[in-house]
C-alpha cells in the first residue's frame, strides 16, 4: 500500500492565497476590499440610478455669451451672413431659423445637447410628438427612414422642396437621443416614426445646403400660446420672448407664414392619411 498523503495545514493555504493577492494588486488593502453600499460597480444599480438621475436633471446652457441676432433678406441673397450661425450649429448649438411654414428651433441631428435644449425649451407637454427632420435631399430621407416604395418616392420627389411633412417609419440609423423628452425620458412611440421635411425657404436652403454642406437638422416650432382660441406664435423673434435667451442664435428673415406645414402619414403606404391641413396643397392620393 502507498503511504497516506498528508494535506497541508489550512494556515499554510491561507497564507499562500494571501500572498498571491498581494502580488496581483498594487495595494494589500485592495485585495480584499468589498464594494460598499451605493458604490459604482458592475452590479451597483444604486450608483447607476444616481448617475442617470444627474444626467436627466443636468442643465445645458448657451454655448455663446449672448444670443446672436442675424438679420438677412427674405430671398436669401445675403445668406452668407449666417456663416457664424453655421459654425454654432457645428459646435452643437441650437437656435431659430426661418422655414416656409414659420420659424423653428433647430439643432444638428448629431447634437445631443442641442436637441435636449430644444426639448427643454418646448416643455414636456409640447413634446408628445417626435421632432421633425430637415433634409437636404431624398438620399437623407432614405437613410433615416424605411418602407419607401415607388409610390411614396414619387410623392416625395414631386412635393419636396415644399411646405409638407411626411411621417415615415424610422430606421435604426436615427440617433436615439432624438427621442429624449424635456426631462430625459424616452418614449417608445417616437422611435417608430419620423416626420421628414424639406422646406423651400431660400434662407434655410442656402444655410443648410451650402454653409452646412447638407447636414441634417432637427426642427420644432417655437413655443406658442393660445390667445382667444387662436394659436399664435409667442412674440415671434422678440428678444423679450421667454425662450429667446435660451438659444444661441436667431436668424431674422422677415415675416413668414404661421399656418404650419401640411402633414401626411405614410407609415402605411397603401393607406396614407392626412394628419393636418396647412400651407401645403392637399394631395390626390
Protein backbone atom coordinates (compact mmCIF):
# COMPACT_ATOMS: atom_id res chain seq x y z
CA UNK A 1 0.00 0.00 0.00
CA UNK A 2 1.08 3.51 -0.75
CA UNK A 3 1.67 5.79 2.22
CA UNK A 4 -1.30 8.11 3.02
CA UNK A 5 -0.88 11.61 1.57
CA UNK A 6 -0.81 14.35 4.18
CA UNK A 7 -2.81 17.54 3.39
CA UNK A 8 -1.03 20.88 4.10
CA UNK A 9 -2.31 22.76 7.13
CA UNK A 10 -5.10 25.25 6.45
CA UNK A 11 -2.95 28.10 7.74
CA UNK A 12 -0.37 27.49 5.01
CA UNK A 13 -3.06 27.51 2.31
CA UNK A 14 -4.48 30.80 3.61
CA UNK A 15 -1.00 32.34 3.71
CA UNK A 16 -0.33 31.30 0.11
CA UNK A 17 -3.62 32.74 -1.14
CA UNK A 18 -3.00 36.00 0.73
CA UNK A 19 0.49 36.32 -0.75
CA UNK A 20 -0.89 35.75 -4.26
CA UNK A 21 -3.48 38.54 -3.81
CA UNK A 22 -0.81 40.93 -2.59
CA UNK A 23 1.30 40.20 -5.68
CA UNK A 24 -1.60 40.85 -8.08
CA UNK A 25 -2.74 44.13 -6.52
CA UNK A 26 -0.97 47.43 -6.06
CA UNK A 27 -2.26 47.80 -2.52
CA UNK A 28 -2.65 44.96 0.00
CA UNK A 29 -5.85 46.51 1.26
CA UNK A 30 -7.38 46.48 -2.20
CA UNK A 31 -7.05 42.71 -2.41
CA UNK A 32 -9.93 42.19 -0.01
CA UNK A 33 -11.80 45.48 -0.39
CA UNK A 34 -15.52 44.84 -0.85
CA UNK A 35 -17.80 47.25 -2.72
CA UNK A 36 -19.57 49.49 -0.25
CA UNK A 37 -23.26 50.23 -0.48
CA UNK A 38 -24.05 52.60 -3.32
CA UNK A 39 -20.65 52.30 -5.00
CA UNK A 40 -20.24 52.25 -8.77
CA UNK A 41 -19.66 48.60 -9.59
CA UNK A 42 -20.69 46.32 -12.38
CA UNK A 43 -23.72 45.30 -10.35
CA UNK A 44 -24.10 48.53 -8.41
CA UNK A 45 -27.53 49.61 -9.60
CA UNK A 46 -27.88 52.27 -6.92
CA UNK A 47 -24.98 54.34 -8.22
CA UNK A 48 -26.08 53.82 -11.82
CA UNK A 49 -29.50 55.15 -10.91
CA UNK A 50 -27.98 58.24 -9.27
CA UNK A 51 -25.81 58.96 -12.30
CA UNK A 52 -28.84 58.54 -14.58
CA UNK A 53 -30.81 60.99 -12.45
CA UNK A 54 -28.00 63.54 -12.66
CA UNK A 55 -27.89 63.21 -16.44
CA UNK A 56 -31.66 63.79 -16.64
CA UNK A 57 -31.52 66.86 -14.42
CA UNK A 58 -28.38 68.42 -15.88
CA UNK A 59 -28.73 71.98 -17.07
CA UNK A 60 -27.34 72.78 -20.51
CA UNK A 61 -26.92 76.45 -21.37
CA UNK A 62 -25.88 78.50 -24.37
CA UNK A 63 -22.53 77.87 -26.00
CA UNK A 64 -22.19 81.60 -26.77
CA UNK A 65 -22.03 84.53 -24.36
CA UNK A 66 -25.27 86.05 -25.68
CA UNK A 67 -27.87 85.23 -28.31
CA UNK A 68 -26.69 86.11 -31.82
CA UNK A 69 -29.39 88.01 -33.76
CA UNK A 70 -28.73 87.93 -37.51
CA UNK A 71 -30.92 89.84 -39.97
CA UNK A 72 -30.97 88.69 -43.60
CA UNK A 73 -33.01 89.37 -46.70
CA UNK A 74 -36.11 87.24 -47.13
CA UNK A 75 -34.92 85.95 -50.51
CA UNK A 76 -31.67 84.59 -49.09
CA UNK A 77 -29.50 86.84 -51.25
CA UNK A 78 -27.25 87.65 -48.28
CA UNK A 79 -27.42 84.29 -46.54
CA UNK A 80 -23.63 84.42 -46.24
CA UNK A 81 -24.29 86.46 -43.11
CA UNK A 82 -25.28 83.15 -41.49
CA UNK A 83 -21.72 81.79 -41.59
CA UNK A 84 -21.37 82.23 -37.83
CA UNK A 85 -24.73 80.52 -37.33
CA UNK A 86 -23.48 77.51 -39.28
CA UNK A 87 -20.39 77.38 -37.07
CA UNK A 88 -22.52 77.48 -33.92
CA UNK A 89 -24.60 74.58 -35.23
CA UNK A 90 -21.43 72.58 -35.95
CA UNK A 91 -20.38 73.16 -32.36
CA UNK A 92 -23.62 71.60 -31.15
CA UNK A 93 -25.69 74.74 -30.55
CA UNK A 94 -29.33 75.41 -31.19
CA UNK A 95 -31.26 78.41 -32.42
CA UNK A 96 -34.10 79.73 -34.57
CA UNK A 97 -34.22 79.56 -38.37
CA UNK A 98 -36.91 80.54 -40.89
CA UNK A 99 -38.80 77.93 -42.88
CA UNK A 100 -41.55 78.23 -45.47
CA UNK A 101 -44.09 77.49 -42.72
CA UNK A 102 -42.81 79.77 -39.96
CA UNK A 103 -39.81 79.91 -37.64
CA UNK A 104 -38.48 76.84 -35.86
CA UNK A 105 -35.99 75.75 -33.23
CA UNK A 106 -33.19 73.81 -34.88
CA UNK A 107 -30.08 71.81 -33.98
CA UNK A 108 -27.89 69.35 -35.83
CA UNK A 109 -29.08 65.78 -35.82
CA UNK A 110 -25.91 64.59 -34.07
CA UNK A 111 -26.02 67.26 -31.35
CA UNK A 112 -27.37 65.60 -28.22
CA UNK A 113 -27.10 68.78 -26.15
CA UNK A 114 -28.73 70.91 -28.85
CA UNK A 115 -31.71 68.59 -29.16
CA UNK A 116 -32.08 68.33 -25.39
CA UNK A 117 -32.13 72.12 -25.15
CA UNK A 118 -34.90 72.30 -27.75
CA UNK A 119 -36.98 69.83 -25.77
CA UNK A 120 -36.42 71.74 -22.54
CA UNK A 121 -37.47 75.00 -24.23
CA UNK A 122 -40.58 73.37 -25.63
CA UNK A 123 -41.53 71.72 -22.37
CA UNK A 124 -42.59 68.13 -21.85
CA UNK A 125 -46.27 68.84 -22.56
CA UNK A 126 -45.36 70.08 -26.06
CA UNK A 127 -43.05 67.17 -26.86
CA UNK A 128 -45.65 64.45 -27.20
CA UNK A 129 -44.72 64.07 -30.85
CA UNK A 130 -41.25 63.34 -32.25
CA UNK A 131 -39.24 66.20 -33.67
CA UNK A 132 -39.06 66.55 -37.46
CA UNK A 133 -36.00 66.06 -39.64
CA UNK A 134 -34.93 68.81 -42.06
CA UNK A 135 -33.33 67.14 -45.07
CA UNK A 136 -31.34 68.47 -48.00
CA UNK A 137 -32.05 65.58 -50.36
CA UNK A 138 -34.02 62.39 -50.77
CA UNK A 139 -30.95 60.27 -50.01
CA UNK A 140 -31.03 61.56 -46.43
CA UNK A 141 -34.66 60.51 -46.08
CA UNK A 142 -33.82 57.07 -47.42
CA UNK A 143 -31.06 56.75 -44.82
CA UNK A 144 -33.17 57.53 -41.78
CA UNK A 145 -36.47 56.02 -42.91
CA UNK A 146 -37.57 52.74 -44.46
CA UNK A 147 -40.62 51.38 -46.22
CA UNK A 148 -40.35 53.88 -49.05
CA UNK A 149 -41.89 52.21 -52.09
CA UNK A 150 -42.15 53.65 -55.58
CA UNK A 151 -45.40 55.47 -54.87
CA UNK A 152 -44.05 57.17 -51.74
CA UNK A 153 -40.82 58.04 -53.54
CA UNK A 154 -42.72 59.71 -56.38
CA UNK A 155 -44.72 61.73 -53.86
CA UNK A 156 -41.60 62.87 -52.02
CA UNK A 157 -39.87 63.77 -55.25
CA UNK A 158 -42.82 65.79 -56.55
CA UNK A 159 -43.59 67.68 -53.32
CA UNK A 160 -40.07 68.40 -51.99
CA UNK A 161 -38.84 71.03 -51.52
CA UNK A 162 -42.11 72.42 -50.23
CA UNK A 163 -44.41 73.05 -47.24
CA UNK A 164 -45.19 69.41 -46.46
CA UNK A 165 -44.26 67.00 -43.67
CA UNK A 166 -44.38 63.26 -44.34
CA UNK A 167 -44.41 60.80 -41.47
CA UNK A 168 -42.47 57.66 -42.32
CA UNK A 169 -41.21 54.60 -40.42
CA UNK A 170 -37.93 55.48 -38.69
CA UNK A 171 -34.85 53.36 -39.25
CA UNK A 172 -32.29 52.31 -36.66
CA UNK A 173 -29.79 54.73 -38.21
CA UNK A 174 -31.55 57.58 -36.44
CA UNK A 175 -29.71 58.65 -33.25
CA UNK A 176 -31.64 57.58 -30.17
CA UNK A 177 -31.29 60.91 -28.41
CA UNK A 178 -33.75 62.46 -30.80
CA UNK A 179 -36.45 60.79 -28.78
CA UNK A 180 -35.46 62.01 -25.31
CA UNK A 181 -38.06 64.36 -23.88
CA UNK A 182 -37.52 67.51 -21.84
CA UNK A 183 -36.99 65.51 -18.64
CA UNK A 184 -34.64 62.97 -20.16
CA UNK A 185 -37.27 60.24 -20.53
CA UNK A 186 -37.51 58.07 -23.63
CA UNK A 187 -40.78 57.37 -25.44
CA UNK A 188 -41.29 54.14 -27.35
CA UNK A 189 -43.75 55.68 -29.79
CA UNK A 190 -41.18 58.13 -31.06
CA UNK A 191 -38.73 55.50 -32.25
CA UNK A 192 -41.20 54.06 -34.70
CA UNK A 193 -41.91 57.08 -36.91
CA UNK A 194 -40.22 60.24 -38.14
CA UNK A 195 -41.57 63.38 -39.74
CA UNK A 196 -39.37 64.47 -42.65
CA UNK A 197 -39.34 67.93 -44.20
CA UNK A 198 -37.55 69.75 -46.99
CA UNK A 199 -38.77 73.37 -46.87
CA UNK A 200 -38.23 75.58 -49.92
CA UNK A 201 -37.35 78.66 -47.82
CA UNK A 202 -34.40 80.34 -49.62
CA UNK A 203 -32.58 81.31 -46.40
CA UNK A 204 -32.82 77.82 -44.96
CA UNK A 205 -31.81 76.21 -48.23
CA UNK A 206 -28.70 78.41 -48.52
CA UNK A 207 -27.72 77.75 -44.91
CA UNK A 208 -28.33 74.02 -44.87
CA UNK A 209 -27.23 73.12 -48.40
CA UNK A 210 -24.28 75.47 -48.82
CA UNK A 211 -22.95 76.61 -45.44
CA UNK A 212 -23.61 73.28 -43.68
CA UNK A 213 -22.91 71.06 -46.67
CA UNK A 214 -26.25 69.28 -46.47
CA UNK A 215 -26.06 68.28 -42.80
CA UNK A 216 -29.37 67.09 -41.36
CA UNK A 217 -31.16 69.29 -38.83
CA UNK A 218 -33.80 68.64 -36.22
CA UNK A 219 -36.63 71.18 -36.13
CA UNK A 220 -39.57 72.02 -33.89
CA UNK A 221 -41.86 75.03 -33.94
CA UNK A 222 -41.08 77.76 -31.42
CA UNK A 223 -43.27 77.72 -28.28
CA UNK A 224 -46.76 79.06 -28.86
CA UNK A 225 -49.59 80.37 -26.74
CA UNK A 226 -53.35 80.19 -27.05
CA UNK A 227 -54.97 83.60 -27.45
CA UNK A 228 -58.75 83.69 -27.75
CA UNK A 229 -58.98 80.24 -29.31
CA UNK A 230 -56.43 81.06 -31.99
CA UNK A 231 -52.93 79.68 -31.72
CA UNK A 232 -50.29 82.35 -32.22
CA UNK A 233 -46.52 82.19 -32.03
CA UNK A 234 -45.38 83.78 -28.77
CA UNK A 235 -43.75 87.12 -29.61
CA UNK A 236 -42.04 85.67 -32.67
CA UNK A 237 -38.35 86.66 -32.68
CA UNK A 238 -38.96 89.19 -29.90
CA UNK A 239 -35.96 89.44 -27.53
CA UNK A 240 -38.47 89.52 -24.68
CA UNK A 241 -39.83 86.08 -25.57
CA UNK A 242 -39.26 83.61 -22.72
CA UNK A 243 -37.22 81.28 -24.93
CA UNK A 244 -35.04 83.96 -26.56
CA UNK A 245 -32.20 83.95 -24.03
CA UNK A 246 -32.06 80.11 -24.11
CA UNK A 247 -30.99 79.86 -27.75
CA UNK A 248 -27.60 80.60 -29.32
CA UNK A 249 -28.87 82.47 -32.37
CA UNK A 250 -31.92 83.86 -34.14
CA UNK A 251 -31.93 84.36 -37.91
CA UNK A 252 -34.47 87.06 -38.77
CA UNK A 253 -35.59 86.85 -42.41
CA UNK A 254 -38.76 88.88 -42.02
CA UNK A 255 -42.33 87.68 -41.99
CA UNK A 256 -43.07 84.02 -42.52
CA UNK A 257 -46.41 82.14 -42.64
CA UNK A 258 -47.73 80.81 -39.34
CA UNK A 259 -50.13 78.14 -40.59
CA UNK A 260 -47.68 75.26 -40.45
CA UNK A 261 -46.99 72.50 -42.95
CA UNK A 262 -49.48 70.04 -44.35
CA UNK A 263 -48.79 66.70 -42.69
CA UNK A 264 -49.40 63.26 -44.18
CA UNK A 265 -48.89 59.89 -42.52
CA UNK A 266 -47.19 57.43 -44.87
CA UNK A 267 -46.32 54.78 -42.29
CA UNK A 268 -48.75 52.55 -44.17
CA UNK A 269 -48.04 53.31 -47.85
CA UNK A 270 -51.19 51.53 -49.01
CA UNK A 271 -53.37 53.76 -46.81
CA UNK A 272 -51.79 57.23 -46.46
CA UNK A 273 -53.77 59.67 -44.36
CA UNK A 274 -53.98 63.42 -43.85
CA UNK A 275 -52.93 64.39 -40.32
CA UNK A 276 -53.13 68.19 -40.58
CA UNK A 277 -54.00 70.64 -43.31
CA UNK A 278 -51.56 73.53 -43.53
CA UNK A 279 -49.93 75.65 -46.20
CA UNK A 280 -49.08 72.76 -48.49
CA UNK A 281 -51.61 71.75 -51.12
CA UNK A 282 -53.67 68.64 -50.46
CA UNK A 283 -52.52 65.60 -52.39
CA UNK A 284 -54.68 63.47 -54.66
CA UNK A 285 -53.98 60.12 -53.04
